[in-house]
C-alpha atoms as a PDB file:
ATOM      1  CA  MET A   1      -3.805 -22.841 -15.711  1.00  0.00           C
ATOM      2  CA  LEU A   2      -2.768 -26.436 -16.368  1.00  0.00           C
ATOM      3  CA  TYR A   3      -2.907 -29.174 -13.792  1.00  0.00           C
ATOM      4  CA  PRO A   4      -1.154 -32.541 -13.764  1.00  0.00           C
ATOM      5  CA  LEU A   5      -2.958 -35.566 -15.102  1.00  0.00           C
ATOM      6  CA  SER A   6      -3.577 -38.579 -12.953  1.00  0.00           C
ATOM      7  CA  TYR A   7      -1.610 -41.631 -13.921  1.00  0.00           C
ATOM      8  CA  GLU A   8      -4.718 -43.793 -14.291  1.00  0.00           C
ATOM      9  CA  GLY A   9      -6.241 -43.224 -17.695  1.00  0.00           C
ATOM     10  CA  ALA A  10      -4.778 -39.720 -17.987  1.00  0.00           C
ATOM     11  CA  HIS A  11      -8.043 -38.039 -16.892  1.00  0.00           C
ATOM     12  CA  PRO A  12      -7.996 -34.550 -15.428  1.00  0.00           C
ATOM     13  CA  LEU A  13      -8.091 -34.469 -11.688  1.00  0.00           C
ATOM     14  CA  ASP A  14     -11.242 -33.017 -10.171  1.00  0.00           C
ATOM     15  CA  ARG A  15     -11.224 -29.637  -8.488  1.00  0.00           C
ATOM     16  CA  GLN A  16     -11.120 -31.072  -4.999  1.00  0.00           C
ATOM     17  CA  SER A  17      -8.079 -33.204  -5.727  1.00  0.00           C
ATOM     18  CA  ARG A  18      -6.134 -30.508  -7.490  1.00  0.00           C
ATOM     19  CA  PRO A  19      -2.752 -30.150  -5.899  1.00  0.00           C
ATOM     20  CA  ALA A  20      -1.856 -26.891  -4.293  1.00  0.00           C
ATOM     21  CA  LEU A  21       0.636 -24.717  -6.070  1.00  0.00           C
ATOM     22  CA  ASP A  22       4.326 -25.225  -5.366  1.00  0.00           C
ATOM     23  CA  THR A  23       3.891 -28.952  -4.804  1.00  0.00           C
ATOM     24  CA  VAL A  24       5.409 -31.948  -6.502  1.00  0.00           C
ATOM     25  CA  THR A  25       3.398 -34.677  -8.211  1.00  0.00           C
ATOM     26  CA  SER A  26       5.035 -37.856  -9.444  1.00  0.00           C
ATOM     27  CA  ILE A  27       3.610 -39.910 -12.286  1.00  0.00           C
ATOM     28  CA  GLN A  28       4.305 -43.652 -12.124  1.00  0.00           C
ATOM     29  CA  GLY A  29       7.527 -43.164 -10.221  1.00  0.00           C
ATOM     30  CA  ALA A  30       9.027 -40.868 -12.815  1.00  0.00           C
ATOM     31  CA  GLU A  31      10.833 -37.646 -12.028  1.00  0.00           C
ATOM     32  CA  PRO A  32       8.692 -35.007 -10.278  1.00  0.00           C
ATOM     33  CA  TYR A  33       6.119 -33.514 -12.639  1.00  0.00           C
ATOM     34  CA  TYR A  34       5.300 -29.824 -12.354  1.00  0.00           C
ATOM     35  CA  ALA A  35       2.191 -28.151 -13.760  1.00  0.00           C
ATOM     36  CA  GLN A  36       2.284 -24.717 -15.277  1.00  0.00           C
ATOM     37  CA  GLY A  37       2.762 -22.152 -12.559  1.00  0.00           C
ATOM     38  CA  MET A  38       4.168 -24.691 -10.127  1.00  0.00           C
ATOM     39  CA  SER A  39       7.734 -24.518  -8.825  1.00  0.00           C
ATOM     40  CA  PRO A  40       9.776 -27.384  -7.383  1.00  0.00           C
ATOM     41  CA  ALA A  41      10.120 -27.520  -3.649  1.00  0.00           C
ATOM     42  CA  PRO A  42      13.730 -27.106  -2.564  1.00  0.00           C
ATOM     43  CA  SER A  43      15.349 -30.464  -2.059  1.00  0.00           C
ATOM     44  CA  THR A  44      18.944 -31.063  -1.087  1.00  0.00           C
ATOM     45  CA  ALA A  45      18.729 -34.702  -0.048  1.00  0.00           C
ATOM     46  CA  ALA A  46      19.455 -36.015  -3.524  1.00  0.00           C
ATOM     47  CA  SER A  47      22.271 -33.592  -4.243  1.00  0.00           C
ATOM     48  CA  ALA A  48      23.839 -33.442  -0.798  1.00  0.00           C
ATOM     49  CA  THR A  49      25.792 -36.644  -1.201  1.00  0.00           C
ATOM     50  CA  VAL A  50      27.270 -38.630  -4.036  1.00  0.00           C
ATOM     51  CA  ILE A  51      28.437 -42.241  -4.084  1.00  0.00           C
ATOM     52  CA  PRO A  52      31.514 -42.474  -6.334  1.00  0.00           C
ATOM     53  CA  ASP A  53      31.984 -45.457  -8.595  1.00  0.00           C
ATOM     54  CA  THR A  54      34.095 -47.829  -6.547  1.00  0.00           C
ATOM     55  CA  THR A  55      33.598 -50.914  -8.700  1.00  0.00           C
ATOM     56  CA  SER A  56      35.074 -49.933 -12.059  1.00  0.00           C
ATOM     57  CA  THR A  57      38.010 -51.761 -13.575  1.00  0.00           C
ATOM     58  CA  ARG A  58      39.886 -48.463 -13.542  1.00  0.00           C
ATOM     59  CA  GLN A  59      39.706 -48.240  -9.745  1.00  0.00           C
ATOM     60  CA  TYR A  60      40.621 -51.916  -9.389  1.00  0.00           C
ATOM     61  CA  ILE A  61      43.736 -51.556 -11.539  1.00  0.00           C
ATOM     62  CA  GLY A  62      44.664 -48.352  -9.725  1.00  0.00           C
ATOM     63  CA  ALA A  63      44.461 -50.019  -6.321  1.00  0.00           C
ATOM     64  CA  TRP A  64      46.671 -52.921  -7.349  1.00  0.00           C
ATOM     65  CA  SER A  65      49.110 -50.562  -9.064  1.00  0.00           C
ATOM     66  CA  VAL A  66      49.688 -48.820  -5.747  1.00  0.00           C
ATOM     67  CA  LEU A  67      50.087 -52.155  -3.974  1.00  0.00           C
ATOM     68  CA  SER A  68      52.755 -53.187  -6.487  1.00  0.00           C
ATOM     69  CA  VAL A  69      55.310 -50.937  -4.766  1.00  0.00           C
ATOM     70  CA  LEU A  70      55.996 -53.826  -2.382  1.00  0.00           C
ATOM     71  CA  GLN A  71      58.005 -55.561  -5.113  1.00  0.00           C
ATOM     72  CA  TYR A  72      60.802 -53.137  -4.186  1.00  0.00           C
ATOM     73  CA  PHE A  73      61.685 -55.071  -1.036  1.00  0.00           C
ATOM     74  CA  ALA A  74      62.013 -58.371  -2.915  1.00  0.00           C
ATOM     75  CA  ALA A  75      64.200 -56.737  -5.556  1.00  0.00           C
ATOM     76  CA  GLU A  76      66.403 -55.043  -2.972  1.00  0.00           C
ATOM     77  CA  ALA A  77      66.929 -58.319  -1.088  1.00  0.00           C
ATOM     78  CA  ALA A  78      67.971 -60.108  -4.296  1.00  0.00           C
ATOM     79  CA  VAL A  79      70.378 -57.324  -5.298  1.00  0.00           C
ATOM     80  CA  ILE A  80      71.978 -57.283  -1.840  1.00  0.00           C
ATOM     81  CA  LEU A  81      72.555 -61.045  -2.018  1.00  0.00           C
ATOM     82  CA  ALA A  82      74.408 -60.563  -5.315  1.00  0.00           C
ATOM     83  CA  TRP A  83      76.559 -57.719  -3.967  1.00  0.00           C
ATOM     84  CA  ALA A  84      80.202 -58.169  -5.032  1.00  0.00           C
ATOM     85  CA  GLY A  85      81.993 -55.384  -3.183  1.00  0.00           C
ATOM     86  CA  PRO A  86      85.134 -55.952  -1.100  1.00  0.00           C
ATOM     87  CA  ARG A  87      82.925 -55.958   1.990  1.00  0.00           C
ATOM     88  CA  PRO A  88      79.385 -57.277   2.430  1.00  0.00           C
ATOM     89  CA  TYR A  89      76.688 -54.721   1.875  1.00  0.00           C
ATOM     90  CA  ASP A  90      75.506 -53.176   5.146  1.00  0.00           C
ATOM     91  CA  LEU A  91      71.970 -51.809   5.359  1.00  0.00           C
ATOM     92  CA  ARG A  92      73.073 -49.383   8.053  1.00  0.00           C
ATOM     93  CA  THR A  93      75.952 -47.762   6.183  1.00  0.00           C
ATOM     94  CA  GLY A  94      75.272 -48.509   2.523  1.00  0.00           C
ATOM     95  CA  TYR A  95      73.149 -46.096   0.523  1.00  0.00           C
ATOM     96  CA  ILE A  96      70.181 -47.488  -1.370  1.00  0.00           C
ATOM     97  CA  SER A  97      71.445 -45.931  -4.593  1.00  0.00           C
ATOM     98  CA  ASP A  98      74.697 -47.905  -4.312  1.00  0.00           C
ATOM     99  CA  LEU A  99      72.681 -50.983  -5.268  1.00  0.00           C
ATOM    100  CA  GLY A 100      71.900 -49.407  -8.632  1.00  0.00           C
ATOM    101  CA  ALA A 101      75.417 -48.124  -9.407  1.00  0.00           C
ATOM    102  CA  LEU A 102      76.412 -49.048 -12.949  1.00  0.00           C
ATOM    103  CA  ARG A 103      80.124 -49.646 -12.334  1.00  0.00           C
ATOM    104  CA  CYS A 104      82.241 -51.346  -9.695  1.00  0.00           C
ATOM    105  CA  GLY A 105      84.737 -49.109  -7.953  1.00  0.00           C
ATOM    106  CA  VAL A 106      84.961 -46.288  -5.460  1.00  0.00           C
ATOM    107  CA  PHE A 107      82.106 -43.803  -5.590  1.00  0.00           C
ATOM    108  CA  ASP A 108      81.984 -40.850  -3.217  1.00  0.00           C
ATOM    109  CA  GLY A 109      84.408 -42.650  -0.894  1.00  0.00           C
ATOM    110  CA  ARG A 110      82.447 -45.916  -0.882  1.00  0.00           C
ATOM    111  CA  ASP A 111      83.351 -49.232  -2.507  1.00  0.00           C
ATOM    112  CA  VAL A 112      80.400 -50.216  -4.668  1.00  0.00           C
ATOM    113  CA  CYS A 113      79.857 -53.231  -6.895  1.00  0.00           C
ATOM    114  CA  SER A 114      76.318 -54.333  -7.693  1.00  0.00           C
ATOM    115  CA  PRO A 115      76.107 -56.957 -10.476  1.00  0.00           C
ATOM    116  CA  LEU A 116      72.297 -56.810 -10.370  1.00  0.00           C
ATOM    117  CA  ASN A 117      72.183 -53.035 -10.681  1.00  0.00           C
ATOM    118  CA  TRP A 118      69.749 -53.420 -13.599  1.00  0.00           C
ATOM    119  CA  LEU A 119      67.274 -55.201 -11.318  1.00  0.00           C
ATOM    120  CA  MET A 120      67.473 -52.480  -8.688  1.00  0.00           C
ATOM    121  CA  ASN A 121      67.000 -49.728 -11.241  1.00  0.00           C
ATOM    122  CA  ALA A 122      64.141 -51.600 -12.896  1.00  0.00           C
ATOM    123  CA  SER A 123      62.506 -51.946  -9.488  1.00  0.00           C
ATOM    124  CA  PHE A 124      62.745 -48.184  -8.960  1.00  0.00           C
ATOM    125  CA  VAL A 125      61.049 -47.589 -12.307  1.00  0.00           C
ATOM    126  CA  VAL A 126      58.304 -50.156 -11.679  1.00  0.00           C
ATOM    127  CA  GLN A 127      57.665 -48.705  -8.239  1.00  0.00           C
ATOM    128  CA  GLY A 128      57.363 -45.211  -9.671  1.00  0.00           C
ATOM    129  CA  LEU A 129      55.102 -46.312 -12.510  1.00  0.00           C
ATOM    130  CA  GLY A 130      52.832 -48.075 -10.021  1.00  0.00           C
ATOM    131  CA  MET A 131      52.461 -44.867  -8.037  1.00  0.00           C
ATOM    132  CA  LEU A 132      51.906 -42.791 -11.169  1.00  0.00           C
ATOM    133  CA  LEU A 133      49.270 -45.200 -12.448  1.00  0.00           C
ATOM    134  CA  GLY A 134      47.537 -45.252  -9.079  1.00  0.00           C
ATOM    135  CA  ALA A 135      47.481 -41.451  -8.912  1.00  0.00           C
ATOM    136  CA  LEU A 136      46.022 -41.327 -12.418  1.00  0.00           C
ATOM    137  CA  LEU A 137      43.390 -44.054 -12.089  1.00  0.00           C
ATOM    138  CA  LEU A 138      42.168 -43.677  -8.510  1.00  0.00           C
ATOM    139  CA  GLY A 139      39.482 -41.018  -8.398  1.00  0.00           C
ATOM    140  CA  SER A 140      39.393 -38.295  -5.758  1.00  0.00           C
ATOM    141  CA  GLY A 141      35.896 -39.413  -4.776  1.00  0.00           C
ATOM    142  CA  LEU A 142      37.122 -42.929  -4.086  1.00  0.00           C
ATOM    143  CA  LEU A 143      39.972 -41.632  -1.930  1.00  0.00           C
ATOM    144  CA  CYS A 144      37.413 -39.697   0.121  1.00  0.00           C
ATOM    145  CA  VAL A 145      35.311 -42.775   0.932  1.00  0.00           C
ATOM    146  CA  ALA A 146      37.688 -45.739   0.564  1.00  0.00           C
ATOM    147  CA  ALA A 147      38.430 -45.950   4.284  1.00  0.00           C
ATOM    148  CA  LEU A 148      34.790 -46.210   5.370  1.00  0.00           C
ATOM    149  CA  GLY A 149      32.318 -48.681   3.901  1.00  0.00           C
ATOM    150  CA  GLY A 150      29.062 -47.138   2.713  1.00  0.00           C
ATOM    151  CA  ALA A 151      30.419 -43.604   3.023  1.00  0.00           C
ATOM    152  CA  ARG A 152      29.248 -40.915   0.647  1.00  0.00           C
ATOM    153  CA  VAL A 153      30.975 -37.863  -0.726  1.00  0.00           C
ATOM    154  CA  GLN A 154      29.611 -34.408  -0.037  1.00  0.00           C
ATOM    155  CA  PRO A 155      30.596 -32.284  -3.047  1.00  0.00           C
ATOM    156  CA  GLY A 156      29.788 -29.107  -1.148  1.00  0.00           C
ATOM    157  CA  ARG A 157      32.583 -29.806   1.305  1.00  0.00           C
ATOM    158  CA  ARG A 158      35.696 -28.715  -0.535  1.00  0.00           C
ATOM    159  CA  LYS A 159      38.315 -29.735   2.011  1.00  0.00           C
ATOM    160  CA  PRO A 160      38.043 -33.540   1.524  1.00  0.00           C
ATOM    161  CA  TRP A 161      38.032 -33.146  -2.246  1.00  0.00           C
ATOM    162  CA  LEU A 162      41.032 -30.820  -2.216  1.00  0.00           C
ATOM    163  CA  ALA A 163      42.872 -33.169   0.141  1.00  0.00           C
ATOM    164  CA  ALA A 164      42.203 -36.115  -2.174  1.00  0.00           C
ATOM    165  CA  VAL A 165      43.427 -34.128  -5.171  1.00  0.00           C
ATOM    166  CA  TRP A 166      46.607 -33.209  -3.287  1.00  0.00           C
ATOM    167  CA  VAL A 167      47.174 -36.861  -2.373  1.00  0.00           C
ATOM    168  CA  ARG A 168      47.024 -37.776  -6.047  1.00  0.00           C
ATOM    169  CA  LEU A 169      49.340 -34.943  -7.117  1.00  0.00           C
ATOM    170  CA  LEU A 170      51.896 -35.687  -4.409  1.00  0.00           C
ATOM    171  CA  THR A 171      51.789 -39.425  -5.112  1.00  0.00           C
ATOM    172  CA  ALA A 172      52.360 -38.758  -8.804  1.00  0.00           C
ATOM    173  CA  THR A 173      55.303 -36.482  -7.967  1.00  0.00           C
ATOM    174  CA  ALA A 174      56.848 -39.125  -5.723  1.00  0.00           C
ATOM    175  CA  GLY A 175      56.325 -41.749  -8.412  1.00  0.00           C
ATOM    176  CA  ALA A 176      57.975 -39.579 -11.047  1.00  0.00           C
ATOM    177  CA  GLY A 177      60.884 -39.044  -8.670  1.00  0.00           C
ATOM    178  CA  THR A 178      61.629 -42.717  -8.187  1.00  0.00           C
ATOM    179  CA  VAL A 179      61.315 -43.324 -11.937  1.00  0.00           C
ATOM    180  CA  ILE A 180      64.056 -40.718 -12.399  1.00  0.00           C
ATOM    181  CA  VAL A 181      66.157 -42.467  -9.743  1.00  0.00           C
ATOM    182  CA  GLY A 182      65.922 -45.712 -11.714  1.00  0.00           C
ATOM    183  CA  LEU A 183      66.624 -44.154 -15.095  1.00  0.00           C
ATOM    184  CA  VAL A 184      69.560 -42.049 -13.865  1.00  0.00           C
ATOM    185  CA  PRO A 185      71.747 -44.103 -11.459  1.00  0.00           C
ATOM    186  CA  GLU A 186      73.939 -42.337  -8.918  1.00  0.00           C
ATOM    187  CA  ASP A 187      77.140 -42.788 -10.946  1.00  0.00           C
ATOM    188  CA  ALA A 188      75.627 -41.614 -14.233  1.00  0.00           C
ATOM    189  CA  GLY A 189      77.140 -38.177 -13.701  1.00  0.00           C
ATOM    190  CA  SER A 190      73.853 -36.299 -13.421  1.00  0.00           C
ATOM    191  CA  GLY A 191      72.248 -34.389 -10.592  1.00  0.00           C
ATOM    192  CA  TRP A 192      68.843 -35.665 -11.665  1.00  0.00           C
ATOM    193  CA  HIS A 193      69.366 -38.772  -9.545  1.00  0.00           C
ATOM    194  CA  TYR A 194      69.391 -36.766  -6.326  1.00  0.00           C
ATOM    195  CA  THR A 195      66.560 -34.544  -7.546  1.00  0.00           C
ATOM    196  CA  GLY A 196      64.451 -37.633  -8.147  1.00  0.00           C
ATOM    197  CA  ALA A 197      65.294 -39.025  -4.716  1.00  0.00           C
ATOM    198  CA  LEU A 198      64.241 -35.776  -3.028  1.00  0.00           C
ATOM    199  CA  MET A 199      61.002 -35.759  -5.028  1.00  0.00           C
ATOM    200  CA  TYR A 200      60.237 -39.241  -3.769  1.00  0.00           C
ATOM    201  CA  PHE A 201      61.080 -38.565  -0.127  1.00  0.00           C
ATOM    202  CA  ILE A 202      59.399 -35.152   0.200  1.00  0.00           C
ATOM    203  CA  ALA A 203      56.289 -35.728  -1.912  1.00  0.00           C
ATOM    204  CA  GLY A 204      55.849 -39.276  -0.630  1.00  0.00           C
ATOM    205  CA  ALA A 205      55.936 -38.231   3.024  1.00  0.00           C
ATOM    206  CA  ALA A 206      53.578 -35.315   2.344  1.00  0.00           C
ATOM    207  CA  ALA A 207      51.109 -37.553   0.486  1.00  0.00           C
ATOM    208  CA  LEU A 208      50.952 -39.951   3.437  1.00  0.00           C
ATOM    209  CA  LEU A 209      50.386 -37.139   5.934  1.00  0.00           C
ATOM    210  CA  VAL A 210      47.548 -35.643   3.889  1.00  0.00           C
ATOM    211  CA  LEU A 211      45.945 -39.048   3.287  1.00  0.00           C
ATOM    212  CA  GLY A 212      46.289 -39.996   6.945  1.00  0.00           C
ATOM    213  CA  PHE A 213      44.429 -36.857   8.018  1.00  0.00           C
ATOM    214  CA  LEU A 214      41.808 -37.430   5.301  1.00  0.00           C
ATOM    215  CA  TRP A 215      41.100 -40.935   6.645  1.00  0.00           C
ATOM    216  CA  LEU A 216      41.360 -39.994  10.311  1.00  0.00           C
ATOM    217  CA  ARG A 217      38.593 -41.567  12.444  1.00  0.00           C
ATOM    218  CA  LYS A 218      37.489 -43.612   9.435  1.00  0.00           C
ATOM    219  CA  THR A 219      39.985 -46.447   9.691  1.00  0.00           C
ATOM    220  CA  VAL A 220      42.658 -47.542  12.151  1.00  0.00           C
ATOM    221  CA  MET A 221      45.042 -47.673   9.207  1.00  0.00           C
ATOM    222  CA  SER A 222      44.997 -43.861   9.092  1.00  0.00           C
ATOM    223  CA  TRP A 223      47.206 -43.749  12.191  1.00  0.00           C
ATOM    224  CA  PHE A 224      49.687 -46.142  10.616  1.00  0.00           C
ATOM    225  CA  ILE A 225      49.790 -44.065   7.424  1.00  0.00           C
ATOM    226  CA  LEU A 226      50.273 -40.880   9.457  1.00  0.00           C
ATOM    227  CA  ALA A 227      53.094 -42.536  11.405  1.00  0.00           C
ATOM    228  CA  CYS A 228      54.820 -43.575   8.169  1.00  0.00           C
ATOM    229  CA  GLY A 229      54.626 -40.038   6.843  1.00  0.00           C
ATOM    230  CA  ALA A 230      55.866 -38.537  10.112  1.00  0.00           C
ATOM    231  CA  VAL A 231      58.841 -40.921  10.389  1.00  0.00           C
ATOM    232  CA  SER A 232      59.848 -40.268   6.785  1.00  0.00           C
ATOM    233  CA  LEU A 233      59.574 -36.503   7.207  1.00  0.00           C
ATOM    234  CA  ALA A 234      61.538 -36.531  10.486  1.00  0.00           C
ATOM    235  CA  ALA A 235      64.320 -38.586   8.896  1.00  0.00           C
ATOM    236  CA  LEU A 236      64.358 -36.261   5.899  1.00  0.00           C
ATOM    237  CA  VAL A 237      64.739 -33.199   8.124  1.00  0.00           C
ATOM    238  CA  THR A 238      67.493 -34.950  10.089  1.00  0.00           C
ATOM    239  CA  GLY A 239      69.329 -35.823   6.890  1.00  0.00           C
ATOM    240  CA  GLY A 240      69.062 -32.257   5.664  1.00  0.00           C
ATOM    241  CA  LEU A 241      70.333 -30.754   8.888  1.00  0.00           C
ATOM    242  CA  THR A 242      73.247 -33.183   9.181  1.00  0.00           C
ATOM    243  CA  ARG A 243      73.965 -33.375   5.428  1.00  0.00           C
ATOM    244  CA  MET A 244      73.799 -37.148   5.930  1.00  0.00           C
ATOM    245  CA  GLU A 245      77.039 -37.015   7.938  1.00  0.00           C
ATOM    246  CA  VAL A 246      75.854 -39.543  10.500  1.00  0.00           C
ATOM    247  CA  PRO A 247      77.371 -42.844  11.687  1.00  0.00           C
ATOM    248  CA  GLU A 248      74.756 -44.888   9.793  1.00  0.00           C
ATOM    249  CA  PRO A 249      73.664 -42.966   6.687  1.00  0.00           C
ATOM    250  CA  GLY A 250      72.129 -46.059   5.128  1.00  0.00           C
ATOM    251  CA  ALA A 251      69.787 -46.506   8.068  1.00  0.00           C
ATOM    252  CA  LEU A 252      68.814 -42.825   7.966  1.00  0.00           C
ATOM    253  CA  GLU A 253      68.099 -42.980   4.236  1.00  0.00           C
ATOM    254  CA  ARG A 254      65.957 -46.049   4.732  1.00  0.00           C
ATOM    255  CA  LEU A 255      63.991 -44.229   7.415  1.00  0.00           C
ATOM    256  CA  MET A 256      63.214 -41.694   4.692  1.00  0.00           C
ATOM    257  CA  GLY A 257      62.279 -44.189   1.985  1.00  0.00           C
ATOM    258  CA  TYR A 258      60.934 -47.355   3.600  1.00  0.00           C
ATOM    259  CA  PRO A 259      58.015 -45.658   5.401  1.00  0.00           C
ATOM    260  CA  VAL A 260      56.876 -44.085   2.129  1.00  0.00           C
ATOM    261  CA  THR A 261      56.845 -47.442   0.364  1.00  0.00           C
ATOM    262  CA  VAL A 262      55.119 -49.207   3.257  1.00  0.00           C
ATOM    263  CA  GLY A 263      52.625 -46.384   3.800  1.00  0.00           C
ATOM    264  CA  VAL A 264      51.684 -46.224   0.126  1.00  0.00           C
ATOM    265  CA  ALA A 265      51.222 -49.999   0.091  1.00  0.00           C
ATOM    266  CA  ALA A 266      49.023 -49.794   3.208  1.00  0.00           C
ATOM    267  CA  ALA A 267      46.857 -47.179   1.510  1.00  0.00           C
ATOM    268  CA  GLY A 268      46.669 -49.377  -1.569  1.00  0.00           C
ATOM    269  CA  LEU A 269      45.533 -52.284   0.586  1.00  0.00           C
ATOM    270  CA  VAL A 270      42.698 -50.233   2.101  1.00  0.00           C
ATOM    271  CA  ILE A 271      41.574 -49.076  -1.332  1.00  0.00           C
ATOM    272  CA  ALA A 272      41.870 -52.546  -2.888  1.00  0.00           C
ATOM    273  CA  GLN A 273      39.772 -54.053  -0.090  1.00  0.00           C
ATOM    274  CA  ARG A 274      37.054 -51.427  -0.573  1.00  0.00           C
ATOM    275  CA  VAL A 275      36.980 -51.910  -4.345  1.00  0.00           C
ATOM    276  CA  HIS A 276      36.980 -55.707  -4.031  1.00  0.00           C
ATOM    277  CA  ARG A 277      34.175 -55.638  -1.457  1.00  0.00           C
ATOM    278  CA  GLN A 278      32.021 -53.369  -3.605  1.00  0.00           C
ATOM    279  CA  ARG A 279      32.603 -55.456  -6.733  1.00  0.00           C
ATOM    280  CA  LYS A 280      31.677 -58.586  -4.809  1.00  0.00           C
ATOM    281  CA  GLN A 281      28.445 -56.990  -3.592  1.00  0.00           C
ATOM    282  CA  VAL A 282      27.532 -55.906  -7.114  1.00  0.00           C
ATOM    283  CA  ARG A 283      28.104 -59.417  -8.463  1.00  0.00           C
ATOM    284  CA  ALA A 284      26.031 -60.916  -5.648  1.00  0.00           C
ATOM    285  CA  ALA A 285      23.185 -58.487  -6.322  1.00  0.00           C
ATOM    286  CA  ALA A 286      23.307 -59.270 -10.038  1.00  0.00           C
ATOM    287  CA  SER A 287      23.200 -63.014  -9.362  1.00  0.00           C
ATOM    288  CA  LEU A 288      20.247 -62.558  -7.014  1.00  0.00           C
ATOM    289  CA  GLY A 289      18.420 -60.493  -9.616  1.00  0.00           C
ATOM    290  CA  GLN A 290      18.906 -63.184 -12.247  1.00  0.00           C
ATOM    291  CA  ALA A 291      17.705 -65.859  -9.846  1.00  0.00           C
ATOM    292  CA  LEU A 292      14.501 -63.910  -9.170  1.00  0.00           C
END
């Protein structure tokens, strides 16, 4: 039978100091060393939790990509100011898609004329690409821990991981939907515009609800994200039941879309803060190490 060597001079240990079988001996801080006939003691501490990489450039770009959806509000305000219809554009009665209509005239019973339609459609595309990029770059592990500093991921617990994966898939679907909305304006003669809008509303609201529950009791922002998802979903159901035949269809549509944009941006802010904080700590630790 072989026994481990001591780390000082590599001399055999005497009989009295021989370790008992089924024990672990470490040599100079290396991984546990096992002699012939010895088996490792069960240990779950090292494998029970995992700290995902929250400092990579990939995560940083992903966080800011999600935050970029806020540009939509600036673009919409500029397009509304340039509106050239017979009557001023009304947020309560005017559909969002009217701002991206390619031609001036009557569309579906509404007078539309948006000289900056290209800006509105470009904003839709940029918003969608930001969401797609965020869904692609932000890891599921980061989504699990982003709301709570110092938190670890437990791979054995499938529910948080599955929830994070669903958040990414739903966010990507919503992003693809709004890209379609921008590429196929409402008066382009294609049903893809409305398909894209539904993708954005439904998948966006669902993503916020799942993320809100995932971050529940980890950050106050989870309640805000849940509220955004709930408001969007309630407005979507109302629009479906009424077929948008309400006194203020523009307001109802904005209750579907605005909460998704704001909620996604709020989630991006939480993630960006976590990534920035971790990167700052790593830089500080590196500077301290160089100083020593």
